[in-house]
């Protein structure tokens, strides 16, 4: 999660469950 949220310049959140909600 640390890598995903610090390396990206932008984010798109698709439909998902608790893992997707945690990322959001």
PDBML (XML) file of the C-alpha atoms, coordinates in Angstrom:
<?xml version="1.0" encoding="UTF-8" ?>
<PDBx:datablock datablockName="MODEL"
   xmlns:PDBx="http://pdbml.pdb.org/schema/pdbx-v50.xsd"
   xmlns:xsi="http://www.w3.org/2001/XMLSchema-instance"
   xsi:schemaLocation="http://pdbml.pdb.org/schema/pdbx-v50.xsd pdbx-v50.xsd">
   <PDBx:atom_siteCategory>
      <PDBx:atom_site id="1">
         <PDBx:B_iso_or_equiv>0.00</PDBx:B_iso_or_equiv>
         <PDBx:Cartn_x>0.000</PDBx:Cartn_x>
         <PDBx:Cartn_y>0.000</PDBx:Cartn_y>
         <PDBx:Cartn_z>0.000</PDBx:Cartn_z>
         <PDBx:auth_asym_id>A</PDBx:auth_asym_id>
         <PDBx:auth_atom_id>CA</PDBx:auth_atom_id>
         <PDBx:auth_comp_id>UNK</PDBx:auth_comp_id>
         <PDBx:auth_seq_id>1</PDBx:auth_seq_id>
         <PDBx:group_PDB>ATOM</PDBx:group_PDB>
         <PDBx:label_alt_id xsi:nil="true" />
         <PDBx:label_asym_id>A</PDBx:label_asym_id>
         <PDBx:label_atom_id>CA</PDBx:label_atom_id>
         <PDBx:label_comp_id>UNK</PDBx:label_comp_id>
         <PDBx:label_entity_id>1</PDBx:label_entity_id>
         <PDBx:label_seq_id>1</PDBx:label_seq_id>
         <PDBx:occupancy>1.00</PDBx:occupancy>
         <PDBx:pdbx_PDB_model_num>1</PDBx:pdbx_PDB_model_num>
         <PDBx:type_symbol>C</PDBx:type_symbol>
      </PDBx:atom_site>
      <PDBx:atom_site id="2">
         <PDBx:B_iso_or_equiv>0.00</PDBx:B_iso_or_equiv>
         <PDBx:Cartn_x>2.848</PDBx:Cartn_x>
         <PDBx:Cartn_y>2.371</PDBx:Cartn_y>
         <PDBx:Cartn_z>0.848</PDBx:Cartn_z>
         <PDBx:auth_asym_id>A</PDBx:auth_asym_id>
         <PDBx:auth_atom_id>CA</PDBx:auth_atom_id>
         <PDBx:auth_comp_id>UNK</PDBx:auth_comp_id>
         <PDBx:auth_seq_id>2</PDBx:auth_seq_id>
         <PDBx:group_PDB>ATOM</PDBx:group_PDB>
         <PDBx:label_alt_id xsi:nil="true" />
         <PDBx:label_asym_id>A</PDBx:label_asym_id>
         <PDBx:label_atom_id>CA</PDBx:label_atom_id>
         <PDBx:label_comp_id>UNK</PDBx:label_comp_id>
         <PDBx:label_entity_id>1</PDBx:label_entity_id>
         <PDBx:label_seq_id>2</PDBx:label_seq_id>
         <PDBx:occupancy>1.00</PDBx:occupancy>
         <PDBx:pdbx_PDB_model_num>1</PDBx:pdbx_PDB_model_num>
         <PDBx:type_symbol>C</PDBx:type_symbol>
      </PDBx:atom_site>
      <PDBx:atom_site id="3">
         <PDBx:B_iso_or_equiv>0.00</PDBx:B_iso_or_equiv>
         <PDBx:Cartn_x>4.356</PDBx:Cartn_x>
         <PDBx:Cartn_y>1.859</PDBx:Cartn_y>
         <PDBx:Cartn_z>-2.610</PDBx:Cartn_z>
         <PDBx:auth_asym_id>A</PDBx:auth_asym_id>
         <PDBx:auth_atom_id>CA</PDBx:auth_atom_id>
         <PDBx:auth_comp_id>UNK</PDBx:auth_comp_id>
         <PDBx:auth_seq_id>3</PDBx:auth_seq_id>
         <PDBx:group_PDB>ATOM</PDBx:group_PDB>
         <PDBx:label_alt_id xsi:nil="true" />
         <PDBx:label_asym_id>A</PDBx:label_asym_id>
         <PDBx:label_atom_id>CA</PDBx:label_atom_id>
         <PDBx:label_comp_id>UNK</PDBx:label_comp_id>
         <PDBx:label_entity_id>1</PDBx:label_entity_id>
         <PDBx:label_seq_id>3</PDBx:label_seq_id>
         <PDBx:occupancy>1.00</PDBx:occupancy>
         <PDBx:pdbx_PDB_model_num>1</PDBx:pdbx_PDB_model_num>
         <PDBx:type_symbol>C</PDBx:type_symbol>
      </PDBx:atom_site>
      <PDBx:atom_site id="4">
         <PDBx:B_iso_or_equiv>0.00</PDBx:B_iso_or_equiv>
         <PDBx:Cartn_x>1.038</PDBx:Cartn_x>
         <PDBx:Cartn_y>2.248</PDBx:Cartn_y>
         <PDBx:Cartn_z>-4.438</PDBx:Cartn_z>
         <PDBx:auth_asym_id>A</PDBx:auth_asym_id>
         <PDBx:auth_atom_id>CA</PDBx:auth_atom_id>
         <PDBx:auth_comp_id>UNK</PDBx:auth_comp_id>
         <PDBx:auth_seq_id>4</PDBx:auth_seq_id>
         <PDBx:group_PDB>ATOM</PDBx:group_PDB>
         <PDBx:label_alt_id xsi:nil="true" />
         <PDBx:label_asym_id>A</PDBx:label_asym_id>
         <PDBx:label_atom_id>CA</PDBx:label_atom_id>
         <PDBx:label_comp_id>UNK</PDBx:label_comp_id>
         <PDBx:label_entity_id>1</PDBx:label_entity_id>
         <PDBx:label_seq_id>4</PDBx:label_seq_id>
         <PDBx:occupancy>1.00</PDBx:occupancy>
         <PDBx:pdbx_PDB_model_num>1</PDBx:pdbx_PDB_model_num>
         <PDBx:type_symbol>C</PDBx:type_symbol>
      </PDBx:atom_site>
      <PDBx:atom_site id="5">
         <PDBx:B_iso_or_equiv>0.00</PDBx:B_iso_or_equiv>
         <PDBx:Cartn_x>0.067</PDBx:Cartn_x>
         <PDBx:Cartn_y>5.496</PDBx:Cartn_y>
         <PDBx:Cartn_z>-2.717</PDBx:Cartn_z>
         <PDBx:auth_asym_id>A</PDBx:auth_asym_id>
         <PDBx:auth_atom_id>CA</PDBx:auth_atom_id>
         <PDBx:auth_comp_id>UNK</PDBx:auth_comp_id>
         <PDBx:auth_seq_id>5</PDBx:auth_seq_id>
         <PDBx:group_PDB>ATOM</PDBx:group_PDB>
         <PDBx:label_alt_id xsi:nil="true" />
         <PDBx:label_asym_id>A</PDBx:label_asym_id>
         <PDBx:label_atom_id>CA</PDBx:label_atom_id>
         <PDBx:label_comp_id>UNK</PDBx:label_comp_id>
         <PDBx:label_entity_id>1</PDBx:label_entity_id>
         <PDBx:label_seq_id>5</PDBx:label_seq_id>
         <PDBx:occupancy>1.00</PDBx:occupancy>
         <PDBx:pdbx_PDB_model_num>1</PDBx:pdbx_PDB_model_num>
         <PDBx:type_symbol>C</PDBx:type_symbol>
      </PDBx:atom_site>
      <PDBx:atom_site id="6">
         <PDBx:B_iso_or_equiv>0.00</PDBx:B_iso_or_equiv>
         <PDBx:Cartn_x>3.481</PDBx:Cartn_x>
         <PDBx:Cartn_y>7.178</PDBx:Cartn_y>
         <PDBx:Cartn_z>-2.862</PDBx:Cartn_z>
         <PDBx:auth_asym_id>A</PDBx:auth_asym_id>
         <PDBx:auth_atom_id>CA</PDBx:auth_atom_id>
         <PDBx:auth_comp_id>UNK</PDBx:auth_comp_id>
         <PDBx:auth_seq_id>6</PDBx:auth_seq_id>
         <PDBx:group_PDB>ATOM</PDBx:group_PDB>
         <PDBx:label_alt_id xsi:nil="true" />
         <PDBx:label_asym_id>A</PDBx:label_asym_id>
         <PDBx:label_atom_id>CA</PDBx:label_atom_id>
         <PDBx:label_comp_id>UNK</PDBx:label_comp_id>
         <PDBx:label_entity_id>1</PDBx:label_entity_id>
         <PDBx:label_seq_id>6</PDBx:label_seq_id>
         <PDBx:occupancy>1.00</PDBx:occupancy>
         <PDBx:pdbx_PDB_model_num>1</PDBx:pdbx_PDB_model_num>
         <PDBx:type_symbol>C</PDBx:type_symbol>
      </PDBx:atom_site>
      <PDBx:atom_site id="7">
         <PDBx:B_iso_or_equiv>0.00</PDBx:B_iso_or_equiv>
         <PDBx:Cartn_x>4.680</PDBx:Cartn_x>
         <PDBx:Cartn_y>6.344</PDBx:Cartn_y>
         <PDBx:Cartn_z>-6.362</PDBx:Cartn_z>
         <PDBx:auth_asym_id>A</PDBx:auth_asym_id>
         <PDBx:auth_atom_id>CA</PDBx:auth_atom_id>
         <PDBx:auth_comp_id>UNK</PDBx:auth_comp_id>
         <PDBx:auth_seq_id>7</PDBx:auth_seq_id>
         <PDBx:group_PDB>ATOM</PDBx:group_PDB>
         <PDBx:label_alt_id xsi:nil="true" />
         <PDBx:label_asym_id>A</PDBx:label_asym_id>
         <PDBx:label_atom_id>CA</PDBx:label_atom_id>
         <PDBx:label_comp_id>UNK</PDBx:label_comp_id>
         <PDBx:label_entity_id>1</PDBx:label_entity_id>
         <PDBx:label_seq_id>7</PDBx:label_seq_id>
         <PDBx:occupancy>1.00</PDBx:occupancy>
         <PDBx:pdbx_PDB_model_num>1</PDBx:pdbx_PDB_model_num>
         <PDBx:type_symbol>C</PDBx:type_symbol>
      </PDBx:atom_site>
      <PDBx:atom_site id="8">
         <PDBx:B_iso_or_equiv>0.00</PDBx:B_iso_or_equiv>
         <PDBx:Cartn_x>1.548</PDBx:Cartn_x>
         <PDBx:Cartn_y>7.280</PDBx:Cartn_y>
         <PDBx:Cartn_z>-8.336</PDBx:Cartn_z>
         <PDBx:auth_asym_id>A</PDBx:auth_asym_id>
         <PDBx:auth_atom_id>CA</PDBx:auth_atom_id>
         <PDBx:auth_comp_id>UNK</PDBx:auth_comp_id>
         <PDBx:auth_seq_id>8</PDBx:auth_seq_id>
         <PDBx:group_PDB>ATOM</PDBx:group_PDB>
         <PDBx:label_alt_id xsi:nil="true" />
         <PDBx:label_asym_id>A</PDBx:label_asym_id>
         <PDBx:label_atom_id>CA</PDBx:label_atom_id>
         <PDBx:label_comp_id>UNK</PDBx:label_comp_id>
         <PDBx:label_entity_id>1</PDBx:label_entity_id>
         <PDBx:label_seq_id>8</PDBx:label_seq_id>
         <PDBx:occupancy>1.00</PDBx:occupancy>
         <PDBx:pdbx_PDB_model_num>1</PDBx:pdbx_PDB_model_num>
         <PDBx:type_symbol>C</PDBx:type_symbol>
      </PDBx:atom_site>
      <PDBx:atom_site id="9">
         <PDBx:B_iso_or_equiv>0.00</PDBx:B_iso_or_equiv>
         <PDBx:Cartn_x>0.840</PDBx:Cartn_x>
         <PDBx:Cartn_y>10.743</PDBx:Cartn_y>
         <PDBx:Cartn_z>-9.754</PDBx:Cartn_z>
         <PDBx:auth_asym_id>A</PDBx:auth_asym_id>
         <PDBx:auth_atom_id>CA</PDBx:auth_atom_id>
         <PDBx:auth_comp_id>UNK</PDBx:auth_comp_id>
         <PDBx:auth_seq_id>9</PDBx:auth_seq_id>
         <PDBx:group_PDB>ATOM</PDBx:group_PDB>
         <PDBx:label_alt_id xsi:nil="true" />
         <PDBx:label_asym_id>A</PDBx:label_asym_id>
         <PDBx:label_atom_id>CA</PDBx:label_atom_id>
         <PDBx:label_comp_id>UNK</PDBx:label_comp_id>
         <PDBx:label_entity_id>1</PDBx:label_entity_id>
         <PDBx:label_seq_id>9</PDBx:label_seq_id>
         <PDBx:occupancy>1.00</PDBx:occupancy>
         <PDBx:pdbx_PDB_model_num>1</PDBx:pdbx_PDB_model_num>
         <PDBx:type_symbol>C</PDBx:type_symbol>
      </PDBx:atom_site>
      <PDBx:atom_site id="10">
         <PDBx:B_iso_or_equiv>0.00</PDBx:B_iso_or_equiv>
         <PDBx:Cartn_x>-2.912</PDBx:Cartn_x>
         <PDBx:Cartn_y>10.048</PDBx:Cartn_y>
         <PDBx:Cartn_z>-9.815</PDBx:Cartn_z>
         <PDBx:auth_asym_id>A</PDBx:auth_asym_id>
         <PDBx:auth_atom_id>CA</PDBx:auth_atom_id>
         <PDBx:auth_comp_id>UNK</PDBx:auth_comp_id>
         <PDBx:auth_seq_id>10</PDBx:auth_seq_id>
         <PDBx:group_PDB>ATOM</PDBx:group_PDB>
         <PDBx:label_alt_id xsi:nil="true" />
         <PDBx:label_asym_id>A</PDBx:label_asym_id>
         <PDBx:label_atom_id>CA</PDBx:label_atom_id>
         <PDBx:label_comp_id>UNK</PDBx:label_comp_id>
         <PDBx:label_entity_id>1</PDBx:label_entity_id>
         <PDBx:label_seq_id>10</PDBx:label_seq_id>
         <PDBx:occupancy>1.00</PDBx:occupancy>
         <PDBx:pdbx_PDB_model_num>1</PDBx:pdbx_PDB_model_num>
         <PDBx:type_symbol>C</PDBx:type_symbol>
      </PDBx:atom_site>
      <PDBx:atom_site id="11">
         <PDBx:B_iso_or_equiv>0.00</PDBx:B_iso_or_equiv>
         <PDBx:Cartn_x>-5.490</PDBx:Cartn_x>
         <PDBx:Cartn_y>7.458</PDBx:Cartn_y>
         <PDBx:Cartn_z>-8.837</PDBx:Cartn_z>
         <PDBx:auth_asym_id>A</PDBx:auth_asym_id>
         <PDBx:auth_atom_id>CA</PDBx:auth_atom_id>
         <PDBx:auth_comp_id>UNK</PDBx:auth_comp_id>
         <PDBx:auth_seq_id>11</PDBx:auth_seq_id>
         <PDBx:group_PDB>ATOM</PDBx:group_PDB>
         <PDBx:label_alt_id xsi:nil="true" />
         <PDBx:label_asym_id>A</PDBx:label_asym_id>
         <PDBx:label_atom_id>CA</PDBx:label_atom_id>
         <PDBx:label_comp_id>UNK</PDBx:label_comp_id>
         <PDBx:label_entity_id>1</PDBx:label_entity_id>
         <PDBx:label_seq_id>11</PDBx:label_seq_id>
         <PDBx:occupancy>1.00</PDBx:occupancy>
         <PDBx:pdbx_PDB_model_num>1</PDBx:pdbx_PDB_model_num>
         <PDBx:type_symbol>C</PDBx:type_symbol>
      </PDBx:atom_site>
      <PDBx:atom_site id="12">
         <PDBx:B_iso_or_equiv>0.00</PDBx:B_iso_or_equiv>
         <PDBx:Cartn_x>-8.579</PDBx:Cartn_x>
         <PDBx:Cartn_y>5.809</PDBx:Cartn_y>
         <PDBx:Cartn_z>-10.279</PDBx:Cartn_z>
         <PDBx:auth_asym_id>A</PDBx:auth_asym_id>
         <PDBx:auth_atom_id>CA</PDBx:auth_atom_id>
         <PDBx:auth_comp_id>UNK</PDBx:auth_comp_id>
         <PDBx:auth_seq_id>12</PDBx:auth_seq_id>
         <PDBx:group_PDB>ATOM</PDBx:group_PDB>
         <PDBx:label_alt_id xsi:nil="true" />
         <PDBx:label_asym_id>A</PDBx:label_asym_id>
         <PDBx:label_atom_id>CA</PDBx:label_atom_id>
         <PDBx:label_comp_id>UNK</PDBx:label_comp_id>
         <PDBx:label_entity_id>1</PDBx:label_entity_id>
         <PDBx:label_seq_id>12</PDBx:label_seq_id>
         <PDBx:occupancy>1.00</PDBx:occupancy>
         <PDBx:pdbx_PDB_model_num>1</PDBx:pdbx_PDB_model_num>
         <PDBx:type_symbol>C</PDBx:type_symbol>
      </PDBx:atom_site>
      <PDBx:atom_site id="13">
         <PDBx:B_iso_or_equiv>0.00</PDBx:B_iso_or_equiv>
         <PDBx:Cartn_x>-10.775</PDBx:Cartn_x>
         <PDBx:Cartn_y>3.722</PDBx:Cartn_y>
         <PDBx:Cartn_z>-7.993</PDBx:Cartn_z>
         <PDBx:auth_asym_id>A</PDBx:auth_asym_id>
         <PDBx:auth_atom_id>CA</PDBx:auth_atom_id>
         <PDBx:auth_comp_id>UNK</PDBx:auth_comp_id>
         <PDBx:auth_seq_id>13</PDBx:auth_seq_id>
         <PDBx:group_PDB>ATOM</PDBx:group_PDB>
         <PDBx:label_alt_id xsi:nil="true" />
         <PDBx:label_asym_id>A</PDBx:label_asym_id>
         <PDBx:label_atom_id>CA</PDBx:label_atom_id>
         <PDBx:label_comp_id>UNK</PDBx:label_comp_id>
         <PDBx:label_entity_id>1</PDBx:label_entity_id>
         <PDBx:label_seq_id>13</PDBx:label_seq_id>
         <PDBx:occupancy>1.00</PDBx:occupancy>
         <PDBx:pdbx_PDB_model_num>1</PDBx:pdbx_PDB_model_num>
         <PDBx:type_symbol>C</PDBx:type_symbol>
      </PDBx:atom_site>
      <PDBx:atom_site id="14">
         <PDBx:B_iso_or_equiv>0.00</PDBx:B_iso_or_equiv>
         <PDBx:Cartn_x>-12.969</PDBx:Cartn_x>
         <PDBx:Cartn_y>1.102</PDBx:Cartn_y>
         <PDBx:Cartn_z>-9.672</PDBx:Cartn_z>
         <PDBx:auth_asym_id>A</PDBx:auth_asym_id>
         <PDBx:auth_atom_id>CA</PDBx:auth_atom_id>
         <PDBx:auth_comp_id>UNK</PDBx:auth_comp_id>
         <PDBx:auth_seq_id>14</PDBx:auth_seq_id>
         <PDBx:group_PDB>ATOM</PDBx:group_PDB>
         <PDBx:label_alt_id xsi:nil="true" />
         <PDBx:label_asym_id>A</PDBx:label_asym_id>
         <PDBx:label_atom_id>CA</PDBx:label_atom_id>
         <PDBx:label_comp_id>UNK</PDBx:label_comp_id>
         <PDBx:label_entity_id>1</PDBx:label_entity_id>
         <PDBx:label_seq_id>14</PDBx:label_seq_id>
         <PDBx:occupancy>1.00</PDBx:occupancy>
         <PDBx:pdbx_PDB_model_num>1</PDBx:pdbx_PDB_model_num>
         <PDBx:type_symbol>C</PDBx:type_symbol>
      </PDBx:atom_site>
      <PDBx:atom_site id="15">
         <PDBx:B_iso_or_equiv>0.00</PDBx:B_iso_or_equiv>
         <PDBx:Cartn_x>-15.691</PDBx:Cartn_x>
         <PDBx:Cartn_y>-0.974</PDBx:Cartn_y>
         <PDBx:Cartn_z>-8.044</PDBx:Cartn_z>
         <PDBx:auth_asym_id>A</PDBx:auth_asym_id>
         <PDBx:auth_atom_id>CA</PDBx:auth_atom_id>
         <PDBx:auth_comp_id>UNK</PDBx:auth_comp_id>
         <PDBx:auth_seq_id>15</PDBx:auth_seq_id>
         <PDBx:group_PDB>ATOM</PDBx:group_PDB>
         <PDBx:label_alt_id xsi:nil="true" />
         <PDBx:label_asym_id>A</PDBx:label_asym_id>
         <PDBx:label_atom_id>CA</PDBx:label_atom_id>
         <PDBx:label_comp_id>UNK</PDBx:label_comp_id>
         <PDBx:label_entity_id>1</PDBx:label_entity_id>
         <PDBx:label_seq_id>15</PDBx:label_seq_id>
         <PDBx:occupancy>1.00</PDBx:occupancy>
         <PDBx:pdbx_PDB_model_num>1</PDBx:pdbx_PDB_model_num>
         <PDBx:type_symbol>C</PDBx:type_symbol>
      </PDBx:atom_site>
      <PDBx:atom_site id="16">
         <PDBx:B_iso_or_equiv>0.00</PDBx:B_iso_or_equiv>
         <PDBx:Cartn_x>-14.296</PDBx:Cartn_x>
         <PDBx:Cartn_y>-3.261</PDBx:Cartn_y>
         <PDBx:Cartn_z>-5.369</PDBx:Cartn_z>
         <PDBx:auth_asym_id>A</PDBx:auth_asym_id>
         <PDBx:auth_atom_id>CA</PDBx:auth_atom_id>
         <PDBx:auth_comp_id>UNK</PDBx:auth_comp_id>
         <PDBx:auth_seq_id>16</PDBx:auth_seq_id>
         <PDBx:group_PDB>ATOM</PDBx:group_PDB>
         <PDBx:label_alt_id xsi:nil="true" />
         <PDBx:label_asym_id>A</PDBx:label_asym_id>
         <PDBx:label_atom_id>CA</PDBx:label_atom_id>
         <PDBx:label_comp_id>UNK</PDBx:label_comp_id>
         <PDBx:label_entity_id>1</PDBx:label_entity_id>
         <PDBx:label_seq_id>16</PDBx:label_seq_id>
         <PDBx:occupancy>1.00</PDBx:occupancy>
         <PDBx:pdbx_PDB_model_num>1</PDBx:pdbx_PDB_model_num>
         <PDBx:type_symbol>C</PDBx:type_symbol>
      </PDBx:atom_site>
      <PDBx:atom_site id="17">
         <PDBx:B_iso_or_equiv>0.00</PDBx:B_iso_or_equiv>
         <PDBx:Cartn_x>-14.571</PDBx:Cartn_x>
         <PDBx:Cartn_y>-4.547</PDBx:Cartn_y>
         <PDBx:Cartn_z>-1.836</PDBx:Cartn_z>
         <PDBx:auth_asym_id>A</PDBx:auth_asym_id>
         <PDBx:auth_atom_id>CA</PDBx:auth_atom_id>
         <PDBx:auth_comp_id>UNK</PDBx:auth_comp_id>
         <PDBx:auth_seq_id>17</PDBx:auth_seq_id>
         <PDBx:group_PDB>ATOM</PDBx:group_PDB>
         <PDBx:label_alt_id xsi:nil="true" />
         <PDBx:label_asym_id>A</PDBx:label_asym_id>
         <PDBx:label_atom_id>CA</PDBx:label_atom_id>
         <PDBx:label_comp_id>UNK</PDBx:label_comp_id>
         <PDBx:label_entity_id>1</PDBx:label_entity_id>
         <PDBx:label_seq_id>17</PDBx:label_seq_id>
         <PDBx:occupancy>1.00</PDBx:occupancy>
         <PDBx:pdbx_PDB_model_num>1</PDBx:pdbx_PDB_model_num>
         <PDBx:type_symbol>C</PDBx:type_symbol>
      </PDBx:atom_site>
      <PDBx:atom_site id="18">
         <PDBx:B_iso_or_equiv>0.00</PDBx:B_iso_or_equiv>
         <PDBx:Cartn_x>-12.661</PDBx:Cartn_x>
         <PDBx:Cartn_y>-3.943</PDBx:Cartn_y>
         <PDBx:Cartn_z>1.404</PDBx:Cartn_z>
         <PDBx:auth_asym_id>A</PDBx:auth_asym_id>
         <PDBx:auth_atom_id>CA</PDBx:auth_atom_id>
         <PDBx:auth_comp_id>UNK</PDBx:auth_comp_id>
         <PDBx:auth_seq_id>18</PDBx:auth_seq_id>
         <PDBx:group_PDB>ATOM</PDBx:group_PDB>
         <PDBx:label_alt_id xsi:nil="true" />
         <PDBx:label_asym_id>A</PDBx:label_asym_id>
         <PDBx:label_atom_id>CA</PDBx:label_atom_id>
         <PDBx:label_comp_id>UNK</PDBx:label_comp_id>
         <PDBx:label_entity_id>1</PDBx:label_entity_id>
         <PDBx:label_seq_id>18</PDBx:label_seq_id>
         <PDBx:occupancy>1.00</PDBx:occupancy>
         <PDBx:pdbx_PDB_model_num>1</PDBx:pdbx_PDB_model_num>
         <PDBx:type_symbol>C</PDBx:type_symbol>
      </PDBx:atom_site>
      <PDBx:atom_site id="19">
         <PDBx:B_iso_or_equiv>0.00</PDBx:B_iso_or_equiv>
         <PDBx:Cartn_x>-9.203</PDBx:Cartn_x>
         <PDBx:Cartn_y>-4.003</PDBx:Cartn_y>
         <PDBx:Cartn_z>-0.209</PDBx:Cartn_z>
         <PDBx:auth_asym_id>A</PDBx:auth_asym_id>
         <PDBx:auth_atom_id>CA</PDBx:auth_atom_id>
         <PDBx:auth_comp_id>UNK</PDBx:auth_comp_id>
         <PDBx:auth_seq_id>19</PDBx:auth_seq_id>
         <PDBx:group_PDB>ATOM</PDBx:group_PDB>
         <PDBx:label_alt_id xsi:nil="true" />
         <PDBx:label_asym_id>A</PDBx:label_asym_id>
         <PDBx:label_atom_id>CA</PDBx:label_atom_id>
         <PDBx:label_comp_id>UNK</PDBx:label_comp_id>
         <PDBx:label_entity_id>1</PDBx:label_entity_id>
         <PDBx:label_seq_id>19</PDBx:label_seq_id>
         <PDBx:occupancy>1.00</PDBx:occupancy>
         <PDBx:pdbx_PDB_model_num>1</PDBx:pdbx_PDB_model_num>
         <PDBx:type_symbol>C</PDBx:type_symbol>
      </PDBx:atom_site>
      <PDBx:atom_site id="20">
         <PDBx:B_iso_or_equiv>0.00</PDBx:B_iso_or_equiv>
         <PDBx:Cartn_x>-10.296</PDBx:Cartn_x>
         <PDBx:Cartn_y>-1.327</PDBx:Cartn_y>
         <PDBx:Cartn_z>-2.665</PDBx:Cartn_z>
         <PDBx:auth_asym_id>A</PDBx:auth_asym_id>
         <PDBx:auth_atom_id>CA</PDBx:auth_atom_id>
         <PDBx:auth_comp_id>UNK</PDBx:auth_comp_id>
         <PDBx:auth_seq_id>20</PDBx:auth_seq_id>
         <PDBx:group_PDB>ATOM</PDBx:group_PDB>
         <PDBx:label_alt_id xsi:nil="true" />
         <PDBx:label_asym_id>A</PDBx:label_asym_id>
         <PDBx:label_atom_id>CA</PDBx:label_atom_id>
         <PDBx:label_comp_id>UNK</PDBx:label_comp_id>
         <PDBx:label_entity_id>1</PDBx:label_entity_id>
         <PDBx:label_seq_id>20</PDBx:label_seq_id>
         <PDBx:occupancy>1.00</PDBx:occupancy>
         <PDBx:pdbx_PDB_model_num>1</PDBx:pdbx_PDB_model_num>
         <PDBx:type_symbol>C</PDBx:type_symbol>
      </PDBx:atom_site>
      <PDBx:atom_site id="21">
         <PDBx:B_iso_or_equiv>0.00</PDBx:B_iso_or_equiv>
         <PDBx:Cartn_x>-11.843</PDBx:Cartn_x>
         <PDBx:Cartn_y>0.677</PDBx:Cartn_y>
         <PDBx:Cartn_z>0.169</PDBx:Cartn_z>
         <PDBx:auth_asym_id>A</PDBx:auth_asym_id>
         <PDBx:auth_atom_id>CA</PDBx:auth_atom_id>
         <PDBx:auth_comp_id>UNK</PDBx:auth_comp_id>
         <PDBx:auth_seq_id>21</PDBx:auth_seq_id>
         <PDBx:group_PDB>ATOM</PDBx:group_PDB>
         <PDBx:label_alt_id xsi:nil="true" />
         <PDBx:label_asym_id>A</PDBx:label_asym_id>
         <PDBx:label_atom_id>CA</PDBx:label_atom_id>
         <PDBx:label_comp_id>UNK</PDBx:label_comp_id>
         <PDBx:label_entity_id>1</PDBx:label_entity_id>
         <PDBx:label_seq_id>21</PDBx:label_seq_id>
         <PDBx:occupancy>1.00</PDBx:occupancy>
         <PDBx:pdbx_PDB_model_num>1</PDBx:pdbx_PDB_model_num>
         <PDBx:type_symbol>C</PDBx:type_symbol>
      </PDBx:atom_site>
      <PDBx:atom_site id="22">
         <PDBx:B_iso_or_equiv>0.00</PDBx:B_iso_or_equiv>
         <PDBx:Cartn_x>-8.591</PDBx:Cartn_x>
         <PDBx:Cartn_y>0.435</PDBx:Cartn_y>
         <PDBx:Cartn_z>2.149</PDBx:Cartn_z>
         <PDBx:auth_asym_id>A</PDBx:auth_asym_id>
         <PDBx:auth_atom_id>CA</PDBx:auth_atom_id>
         <PDBx:auth_comp_id>UNK</PDBx:auth_comp_id>
         <PDBx:auth_seq_id>22</PDBx:auth_seq_id>
         <PDBx:group_PDB>ATOM</PDBx:group_PDB>
         <PDBx:label_alt_id xsi:nil="true" />
         <PDBx:label_asym_id>A</PDBx:label_asym_id>
         <PDBx:label_atom_id>CA</PDBx:label_atom_id>
         <PDBx:label_comp_id>UNK</PDBx:label_comp_id>
         <PDBx:label_entity_id>1</PDBx:label_entity_id>
         <PDBx:label_seq_id>22</PDBx:label_seq_id>
         <PDBx:occupancy>1.00</PDBx:occupancy>
         <PDBx:pdbx_PDB_model_num>1</PDBx:pdbx_PDB_model_num>
         <PDBx:type_symbol>C</PDBx:type_symbol>
      </PDBx:atom_site>
      <PDBx:atom_site id="23">
         <PDBx:B_iso_or_equiv>0.00</PDBx:B_iso_or_equiv>
         <PDBx:Cartn_x>-6.683</PDBx:Cartn_x>
         <PDBx:Cartn_y>1.799</PDBx:Cartn_y>
         <PDBx:Cartn_z>-0.859</PDBx:Cartn_z>
         <PDBx:auth_asym_id>A</PDBx:auth_asym_id>
         <PDBx:auth_atom_id>CA</PDBx:auth_atom_id>
         <PDBx:auth_comp_id>UNK</PDBx:auth_comp_id>
         <PDBx:auth_seq_id>23</PDBx:auth_seq_id>
         <PDBx:group_PDB>ATOM</PDBx:group_PDB>
         <PDBx:label_alt_id xsi:nil="true" />
         <PDBx:label_asym_id>A</PDBx:label_asym_id>
         <PDBx:label_atom_id>CA</PDBx:label_atom_id>
         <PDBx:label_comp_id>UNK</PDBx:label_comp_id>
         <PDBx:label_entity_id>1</PDBx:label_entity_id>
         <PDBx:label_seq_id>23</PDBx:label_seq_id>
         <PDBx:occupancy>1.00</PDBx:occupancy>
         <PDBx:pdbx_PDB_model_num>1</PDBx:pdbx_PDB_model_num>
         <PDBx:type_symbol>C</PDBx:type_symbol>
      </PDBx:atom_site>
      <PDBx:atom_site id="24">
         <PDBx:B_iso_or_equiv>0.00</PDBx:B_iso_or_equiv>
         <PDBx:Cartn_x>-9.218</PDBx:Cartn_x>
         <PDBx:Cartn_y>4.587</PDBx:Cartn_y>
         <PDBx:Cartn_z>-1.351</PDBx:Cartn_z>
         <PDBx:auth_asym_id>A</PDBx:auth_asym_id>
         <PDBx:auth_atom_id>CA</PDBx:auth_atom_id>
         <PDBx:auth_comp_id>UNK</PDBx:auth_comp_id>
         <PDBx:auth_seq_id>24</PDBx:auth_seq_id>
         <PDBx:group_PDB>ATOM</PDBx:group_PDB>
         <PDBx:label_alt_id xsi:nil="true" />
         <PDBx:label_asym_id>A</PDBx:label_asym_id>
         <PDBx:label_atom_id>CA</PDBx:label_atom_id>
         <PDBx:label_comp_id>UNK</PDBx:label_comp_id>
         <PDBx:label_entity_id>1</PDBx:label_entity_id>
         <PDBx:label_seq_id>24</PDBx:label_seq_id>
         <PDBx:occupancy>1.00</PDBx:occupancy>
         <PDBx:pdbx_PDB_model_num>1</PDBx:pdbx_PDB_model_num>
         <PDBx:type_symbol>C</PDBx:type_symbol>
      </PDBx:atom_site>
   </PDBx:atom_siteCategory>
</PDBx:datablock>
